[in-house]
Amino acid sequence: MIIPIRCISCGKPVAHLWESYKDRLAKGEDRKKLLDELGLERYCCRALFLGHVDLANTAAQFKKF
Protein backbone atom coordinates (compact mmCIF):
# COMPACT_ATOMS: atom_id res chain seq x y z
CA MET A 1 0.00 0.00 0.00
CA ILE A 2 2.81 2.43 0.80
CA ILE A 3 6.37 2.29 -0.45
CA PRO A 4 8.59 0.05 1.70
CA ILE A 5 11.21 1.82 3.82
CA ARG A 6 13.96 -0.37 2.41
CA CYS A 7 14.37 -2.23 -0.85
CA ILE A 8 13.09 -5.75 -0.39
CA SER A 9 16.06 -7.35 -2.17
CA CYS A 10 19.15 -5.36 -1.24
CA GLY A 11 18.06 -3.42 1.86
CA LYS A 12 18.90 0.07 0.59
CA PRO A 13 16.72 2.80 2.16
CA VAL A 14 14.39 4.12 -0.56
CA ALA A 15 11.27 5.52 1.14
CA HIS A 16 12.69 9.05 1.48
CA LEU A 17 12.95 9.25 -2.33
CA TRP A 18 9.32 8.39 -3.08
CA GLU A 19 7.75 11.86 -2.68
CA SER A 20 10.32 13.60 -4.87
CA TYR A 21 10.01 10.80 -7.45
CA LYS A 22 6.23 11.13 -7.52
CA ASP A 23 6.32 14.94 -7.76
CA ARG A 24 8.93 15.05 -10.50
CA LEU A 25 7.19 12.30 -12.45
CA ALA A 26 3.95 14.31 -12.36
CA LYS A 27 5.83 17.22 -13.94
CA GLY A 28 6.62 14.98 -16.90
CA GLU A 29 10.25 14.03 -16.39
CA ASP A 30 11.71 10.92 -18.01
CA ARG A 31 11.60 7.89 -15.66
CA LYS A 32 15.07 6.59 -16.52
CA LYS A 33 16.76 9.94 -16.05
CA LEU A 34 14.81 10.55 -12.85
CA LEU A 35 15.81 7.21 -11.31
CA ASP A 36 19.44 7.87 -12.24
CA GLU A 37 19.37 11.30 -10.58
CA LEU A 38 17.82 9.87 -7.42
CA GLY A 39 20.67 7.39 -7.15
CA LEU A 40 18.66 4.24 -7.80
CA GLU A 41 21.18 2.25 -9.81
CA ARG A 42 20.35 -1.32 -8.80
CA TYR A 43 17.67 -3.07 -10.81
CA CYS A 44 15.86 -4.25 -7.67
CA CYS A 45 15.41 -0.68 -6.37
CA ARG A 46 14.35 0.56 -9.81
CA ALA A 47 11.80 -2.24 -10.13
CA LEU A 48 10.42 -1.36 -6.70
CA PHE A 49 9.73 2.20 -7.83
CA LEU A 50 8.48 1.33 -11.31
CA GLY A 51 6.15 -1.40 -10.10
CA HIS A 52 4.73 0.33 -7.04
CA VAL A 53 1.07 1.34 -7.07
CA ASP A 54 0.11 3.79 -4.33
CA LEU A 55 -3.16 2.49 -2.87
CA ALA A 56 -3.13 4.32 0.47
CA ASN A 57 -5.77 6.87 -0.60
CA THR A 58 -7.97 4.18 -2.15
CA ALA A 59 -7.89 2.03 0.98
CA ALA A 60 -8.57 5.04 3.20
CA GLN A 61 -11.98 5.55 1.55
CA PHE A 62 -13.39 2.32 2.97
CA LYS A 63 -15.03 2.19 6.37
CA LYS A 64 -13.16 0.39 9.13
CA PHE A 65 -15.00 -2.13 11.26
PDB file of N, CA and C in Angstrom:
ATOM      1  N   MET A   1       0.822  -1.190   0.000  1.00  0.00           N
ATOM      2  CA  MET A   1       0.000   0.000   0.000  1.00  0.00           C
ATOM      3  C   MET A   1       0.864   1.250   0.000  1.00  0.00           C
ATOM      4  N   ILE A   2       1.881   1.311   0.847  1.00  0.00           N
ATOM      5  CA  ILE A   2       2.809   2.431   0.804  1.00  0.00           C
ATOM      6  C   ILE A   2       4.177   1.873   0.443  1.00  0.00           C
ATOM      7  N   ILE A   3       5.047   2.727  -0.016  1.00  0.00           N
ATOM      8  CA  ILE A   3       6.370   2.292  -0.449  1.00  0.00           C
ATOM      9  C   ILE A   3       7.132   1.733   0.752  1.00  0.00           C
ATOM     10  N   PRO A   4       7.809   0.603   0.590  1.00  0.00           N
ATOM     11  CA  PRO A   4       8.591   0.050   1.705  1.00  0.00           C
ATOM     12  C   PRO A   4       9.729   0.996   2.086  1.00  0.00           C
ATOM     13  N   ILE A   5      10.123   0.952   3.348  1.00  0.00           N
ATOM     14  CA  ILE A   5      11.208   1.821   3.823  1.00  0.00           C
ATOM     15  C   ILE A   5      12.524   1.422   3.167  1.00  0.00           C
ATOM     16  N   ARG A   6      12.743   0.139   3.043  1.00  0.00           N
ATOM     17  CA  ARG A   6      13.960  -0.373   2.415  1.00  0.00           C
ATOM     18  C   ARG A   6      13.607  -1.239   1.219  1.00  0.00           C
ATOM     19  N   CYS A   7      14.551  -1.340   0.293  1.00  0.00           N
ATOM     20  CA  CYS A   7      14.370  -2.230  -0.852  1.00  0.00           C
ATOM     21  C   CYS A   7      14.266  -3.660  -0.336  1.00  0.00           C
ATOM     22  N   ILE A   8      13.339  -4.403  -0.861  1.00  0.00           N
ATOM     23  CA  ILE A   8      13.088  -5.750  -0.389  1.00  0.00           C
ATOM     24  C   ILE A   8      14.275  -6.671  -0.683  1.00  0.00           C
ATOM     25  N   SER A   9      14.970  -6.462  -1.780  1.00  0.00           N
ATOM     26  CA  SER A   9      16.062  -7.350  -2.172  1.00  0.00           C
ATOM     27  C   SER A   9      17.397  -6.983  -1.550  1.00  0.00           C
ATOM     28  N   CYS A  10      17.805  -5.729  -1.671  1.00  0.00           N
ATOM     29  CA  CYS A  10      19.153  -5.356  -1.239  1.00  0.00           C
ATOM     30  C   CYS A  10      19.199  -4.631   0.102  1.00  0.00           C
ATOM     31  N   GLY A  11      18.089  -4.080   0.559  1.00  0.00           N
ATOM     32  CA  GLY A  11      18.061  -3.417   1.858  1.00  0.00           C
ATOM     33  C   GLY A  11      18.413  -1.942   1.843  1.00  0.00           C
ATOM     34  N   LYS A  12      18.574  -1.357   0.678  1.00  0.00           N
ATOM     35  CA  LYS A  12      18.901   0.068   0.586  1.00  0.00           C
ATOM     36  C   LYS A  12      17.678   0.895   0.974  1.00  0.00           C
ATOM     37  N   PRO A  13      17.845   1.927   1.814  1.00  0.00           N
ATOM     38  CA  PRO A  13      16.715   2.799   2.159  1.00  0.00           C
ATOM     39  C   PRO A  13      16.233   3.572   0.934  1.00  0.00           C
ATOM     40  N   VAL A  14      14.928   3.479   0.636  1.00  0.00           N
ATOM     41  CA  VAL A  14      14.389   4.116  -0.559  1.00  0.00           C
ATOM     42  C   VAL A  14      13.145   4.960  -0.282  1.00  0.00           C
ATOM     43  N   ALA A  15      12.550   4.855   0.875  1.00  0.00           N
ATOM     44  CA  ALA A  15      11.270   5.520   1.142  1.00  0.00           C
ATOM     45  C   ALA A  15      11.387   7.046   1.085  1.00  0.00           C
ATOM     46  N   HIS A  16      12.527   7.592   1.468  1.00  0.00           N
ATOM     47  CA  HIS A  16      12.686   9.047   1.476  1.00  0.00           C
ATOM     48  C   HIS A  16      12.714   9.633   0.062  1.00  0.00           C
ATOM     49  N   LEU A  17      12.896   8.793  -0.940  1.00  0.00           N
ATOM     50  CA  LEU A  17      12.949   9.250  -2.326  1.00  0.00           C
ATOM     51  C   LEU A  17      11.585   9.246  -3.009  1.00  0.00           C
ATOM     52  N   TRP A  18      10.602   8.605  -2.413  1.00  0.00           N
ATOM     53  CA  TRP A  18       9.318   8.385  -3.078  1.00  0.00           C
ATOM     54  C   TRP A  18       8.581   9.681  -3.392  1.00  0.00           C
ATOM     55  N   GLU A  19       8.499  10.616  -2.454  1.00  0.00           N
ATOM     56  CA  GLU A  19       7.750  11.858  -2.679  1.00  0.00           C
ATOM     57  C   GLU A  19       8.371  12.688  -3.799  1.00  0.00           C
ATOM     58  N   SER A  20       9.691  12.819  -3.803  1.00  0.00           N
ATOM     59  CA  SER A  20      10.321  13.600  -4.869  1.00  0.00           C
ATOM     60  C   SER A  20      10.165  12.886  -6.215  1.00  0.00           C
ATOM     61  N   TYR A  21      10.226  11.558  -6.222  1.00  0.00           N
ATOM     62  CA  TYR A  21      10.010  10.798  -7.449  1.00  0.00           C
ATOM     63  C   TYR A  21       8.602  11.041  -7.990  1.00  0.00           C
ATOM     64  N   LYS A  22       7.620  10.966  -7.118  1.00  0.00           N
ATOM     65  CA  LYS A  22       6.227  11.134  -7.523  1.00  0.00           C
ATOM     66  C   LYS A  22       5.966  12.556  -8.033  1.00  0.00           C
ATOM     67  N   ASP A  23       6.513  13.551  -7.347  1.00  0.00           N
ATOM     68  CA  ASP A  23       6.316  14.943  -7.757  1.00  0.00           C
ATOM     69  C   ASP A  23       6.975  15.238  -9.100  1.00  0.00           C
ATOM     70  N   ARG A  24       8.212  14.792  -9.264  1.00  0.00           N
ATOM     71  CA  ARG A  24       8.930  15.055 -10.504  1.00  0.00           C
ATOM     72  C   ARG A  24       8.353  14.269 -11.671  1.00  0.00           C
ATOM     73  N   LEU A  25       7.819  13.092 -11.400  1.00  0.00           N
ATOM     74  CA  LEU A  25       7.188  12.298 -12.447  1.00  0.00           C
ATOM     75  C   LEU A  25       5.897  12.962 -12.927  1.00  0.00           C
ATOM     76  N   ALA A  26       5.174  13.592 -11.999  1.00  0.00           N
ATOM     77  CA  ALA A  26       3.948  14.306 -12.360  1.00  0.00           C
ATOM     78  C   ALA A  26       4.246  15.521 -13.236  1.00  0.00           C
ATOM     79  N   LYS A  27       5.443  16.078 -13.117  1.00  0.00           N
ATOM     80  CA  LYS A  27       5.834  17.215 -13.942  1.00  0.00           C
ATOM     81  C   LYS A  27       6.226  16.793 -15.351  1.00  0.00           C
ATOM     82  N   GLY A  28       6.348  15.472 -15.566  1.00  0.00           N
ATOM     83  CA  GLY A  28       6.618  14.983 -16.903  1.00  0.00           C
ATOM     84  C   GLY A  28       8.057  14.610 -17.185  1.00  0.00           C
ATOM     85  N   GLU A  29       8.855  14.406 -16.160  1.00  0.00           N
ATOM     86  CA  GLU A  29      10.250  14.032 -16.386  1.00  0.00           C
ATOM     87  C   GLU A  29      10.357  12.583 -16.837  1.00  0.00           C
ATOM     88  N   ASP A  30      11.447  12.265 -17.520  1.00  0.00           N
ATOM     89  CA  ASP A  30      11.713  10.919 -18.009  1.00  0.00           C
ATOM     90  C   ASP A  30      12.036  10.003 -16.827  1.00  0.00           C
ATOM     91  N   ARG A  31      11.422   8.821 -16.791  1.00  0.00           N
ATOM     92  CA  ARG A  31      11.602   7.894 -15.664  1.00  0.00           C
ATOM     93  C   ARG A  31      13.044   7.433 -15.512  1.00  0.00           C
ATOM     94  N   LYS A  32      13.703   7.086 -16.604  1.00  0.00           N
ATOM     95  CA  LYS A  32      15.073   6.590 -16.521  1.00  0.00           C
ATOM     96  C   LYS A  32      16.010   7.653 -15.975  1.00  0.00           C
ATOM     97  N   LYS A  33      15.905   8.852 -16.506  1.00  0.00           N
ATOM     98  CA  LYS A  33      16.757   9.943 -16.051  1.00  0.00           C
ATOM     99  C   LYS A  33      16.468  10.285 -14.592  1.00  0.00           C
ATOM    100  N   LEU A  34      15.213  10.249 -14.213  1.00  0.00           N
ATOM    101  CA  LEU A  34      14.809  10.554 -12.851  1.00  0.00           C
ATOM    102  C   LEU A  34      15.363   9.531 -11.861  1.00  0.00           C
ATOM    103  N   LEU A  35      15.267   8.252 -12.190  1.00  0.00           N
ATOM    104  CA  LEU A  35      15.809   7.211 -11.309  1.00  0.00           C
ATOM    105  C   LEU A  35      17.321   7.309 -11.194  1.00  0.00           C
ATOM    106  N   ASP A  36      17.988   7.677 -12.283  1.00  0.00           N
ATOM    107  CA  ASP A  36      19.436   7.872 -12.242  1.00  0.00           C
ATOM    108  C   ASP A  36      19.811   9.026 -11.323  1.00  0.00           C
ATOM    109  N   GLU A  37      19.082  10.129 -11.405  1.00  0.00           N
ATOM    110  CA  GLU A  37      19.371  11.300 -10.578  1.00  0.00           C
ATOM    111  C   GLU A  37      19.090  11.047  -9.103  1.00  0.00           C
ATOM    112  N   LEU A  38      18.124  10.197  -8.808  1.00  0.00           N
ATOM    113  CA  LEU A  38      17.818   9.874  -7.421  1.00  0.00           C
ATOM    114  C   LEU A  38      18.807   8.882  -6.827  1.00  0.00           C
ATOM    115  N   GLY A  39      19.650   8.303  -7.643  1.00  0.00           N
ATOM    116  CA  GLY A  39      20.672   7.388  -7.154  1.00  0.00           C
ATOM    117  C   GLY A  39      20.217   5.944  -7.083  1.00  0.00           C
ATOM    118  N   LEU A  40      19.147   5.617  -7.780  1.00  0.00           N
ATOM    119  CA  LEU A  40      18.656   4.240  -7.801  1.00  0.00           C
ATOM    120  C   LEU A  40      19.296   3.525  -8.988  1.00  0.00           C
ATOM    121  N   GLU A  41      20.427   2.879  -8.738  1.00  0.00           N
ATOM    122  CA  GLU A  41      21.179   2.246  -9.811  1.00  0.00           C
ATOM    123  C   GLU A  41      20.913   0.758  -9.900  1.00  0.00           C
ATOM    124  N   ARG A  42      20.585   0.124  -8.786  1.00  0.00           N
ATOM    125  CA  ARG A  42      20.350  -1.322  -8.801  1.00  0.00           C
ATOM    126  C   ARG A  42      18.990  -1.626  -9.408  1.00  0.00           C
ATOM    127  N   TYR A  43      18.922  -2.720 -10.136  1.00  0.00           N
ATOM    128  CA  TYR A  43      17.671  -3.072 -10.813  1.00  0.00           C
ATOM    129  C   TYR A  43      16.561  -3.397  -9.828  1.00  0.00           C
ATOM    130  N   CYS A  44      16.906  -3.907  -8.635  1.00  0.00           N
ATOM    131  CA  CYS A  44      15.864  -4.246  -7.667  1.00  0.00           C
ATOM    132  C   CYS A  44      15.187  -2.983  -7.128  1.00  0.00           C
ATOM    133  N   CYS A  45      15.964  -1.942  -6.863  1.00  0.00           N
ATOM    134  CA  CYS A  45      15.405  -0.684  -6.373  1.00  0.00           C
ATOM    135  C   CYS A  45      14.585   0.006  -7.466  1.00  0.00           C
ATOM    136  N   ARG A  46      15.070  -0.046  -8.690  1.00  0.00           N
ATOM    137  CA  ARG A  46      14.345   0.559  -9.806  1.00  0.00           C
ATOM    138  C   ARG A  46      13.016  -0.148 -10.031  1.00  0.00           C
ATOM    139  N   ALA A  47      13.025  -1.472  -9.942  1.00  0.00           N
ATOM    140  CA  ALA A  47      11.797  -2.244 -10.129  1.00  0.00           C
ATOM    141  C   ALA A  47      10.796  -1.948  -9.023  1.00  0.00           C
ATOM    142  N   LEU A  48      11.298  -1.702  -7.819  1.00  0.00           N
ATOM    143  CA  LEU A  48      10.422  -1.362  -6.701  1.00  0.00           C
ATOM    144  C   LEU A  48       9.664  -0.064  -6.988  1.00  0.00           C
ATOM    145  N   PHE A  49      10.361   0.925  -7.525  1.00  0.00           N
ATOM    146  CA  PHE A  49       9.728   2.205  -7.834  1.00  0.00           C
ATOM    147  C   PHE A  49       8.816   2.117  -9.057  1.00  0.00           C
ATOM    148  N   LEU A  50       9.262   1.411 -10.081  1.00  0.00           N
ATOM    149  CA  LEU A  50       8.477   1.331 -11.307  1.00  0.00           C
ATOM    150  C   LEU A  50       7.225   0.477 -11.142  1.00  0.00           C
ATOM    151  N   GLY A  51       7.284  -0.502 -10.271  1.00  0.00           N
ATOM    152  CA  GLY A  51       6.155  -1.401 -10.102  1.00  0.00           C
ATOM    153  C   GLY A  51       5.225  -1.049  -8.967  1.00  0.00           C
ATOM    154  N   HIS A  52       5.545  -0.015  -8.205  1.00  0.00           N
ATOM    155  CA  HIS A  52       4.734   0.332  -7.041  1.00  0.00           C
ATOM    156  C   HIS A  52       3.463   1.077  -7.451  1.00  0.00           C
ATOM    157  N   VAL A  53       2.343   0.671  -6.867  1.00  0.00           N
ATOM    158  CA  VAL A  53       1.065   1.340  -7.074  1.00  0.00           C
ATOM    159  C   VAL A  53       0.620   1.865  -5.720  1.00  0.00           C
ATOM    160  N   ASP A  54       0.458   3.165  -5.600  1.00  0.00           N
ATOM    161  CA  ASP A  54       0.111   3.790  -4.328  1.00  0.00           C
ATOM    162  C   ASP A  54      -1.385   3.645  -4.072  1.00  0.00           C
ATOM    163  N   LEU A  55      -1.758   2.771  -3.165  1.00  0.00           N
ATOM    164  CA  LEU A  55      -3.158   2.495  -2.868  1.00  0.00           C
ATOM    165  C   LEU A  55      -3.602   3.025  -1.514  1.00  0.00           C
ATOM    166  N   ALA A  56      -2.795   3.836  -0.856  1.00  0.00           N
ATOM    167  CA  ALA A  56      -3.132   4.324   0.472  1.00  0.00           C
ATOM    168  C   ALA A  56      -4.416   5.166   0.452  1.00  0.00           C
ATOM    169  N   ASN A  57      -4.562   6.035  -0.522  1.00  0.00           N
ATOM    170  CA  ASN A  57      -5.771   6.875  -0.596  1.00  0.00           C
ATOM    171  C   ASN A  57      -7.009   6.057  -0.947  1.00  0.00           C
ATOM    172  N   THR A  58      -6.845   5.052  -1.776  1.00  0.00           N
ATOM    173  CA  THR A  58      -7.967   4.180  -2.149  1.00  0.00           C
ATOM    174  C   THR A  58      -8.450   3.374  -0.945  1.00  0.00           C
ATOM    175  N   ALA A  59      -7.518   2.830  -0.187  1.00  0.00           N
ATOM    176  CA  ALA A  59      -7.895   2.027   0.981  1.00  0.00           C
ATOM    177  C   ALA A  59      -8.472   2.892   2.086  1.00  0.00           C
ATOM    178  N   ALA A  60      -8.078   4.146   2.156  1.00  0.00           N
ATOM    179  CA  ALA A  60      -8.571   5.039   3.197  1.00  0.00           C
ATOM    180  C   ALA A  60     -10.039   5.408   2.998  1.00  0.00           C
ATOM    181  N   GLN A  61     -10.593   5.211   1.824  1.00  0.00           N
ATOM    182  CA  GLN A  61     -11.977   5.555   1.548  1.00  0.00           C
ATOM    183  C   GLN A  61     -12.955   4.562   2.167  1.00  0.00           C
ATOM    184  N   PHE A  62     -12.491   3.353   2.452  1.00  0.00           N
ATOM    185  CA  PHE A  62     -13.388   2.324   2.973  1.00  0.00           C
ATOM    186  C   PHE A  62     -13.553   2.449   4.482  1.00  0.00           C
ATOM    187  N   LYS A  63     -14.721   2.098   4.952  1.00  0.00           N
ATOM    188  CA  LYS A  63     -15.029   2.194   6.366  1.00  0.00           C
ATOM    189  C   LYS A  63     -14.357   1.059   7.126  1.00  0.00           C
ATOM    190  N   LYS A  64     -13.802   1.402   8.280  1.00  0.00           N
ATOM    191  CA  LYS A  64     -13.161   0.395   9.132  1.00  0.00           C
ATOM    192  C   LYS A  64     -14.205  -0.196  10.064  1.00  0.00           C
ATOM    193  N   PHE A  65     -14.057  -1.456  10.370  1.00  0.00           N
ATOM    194  CA  PHE A  65     -15.000  -2.133  11.261  1.00  0.00           C
ATOM    195  C   PHE A  65     -14.601  -2.005  12.689  1.00  0.00           C
TER     196      PHE A  65
END
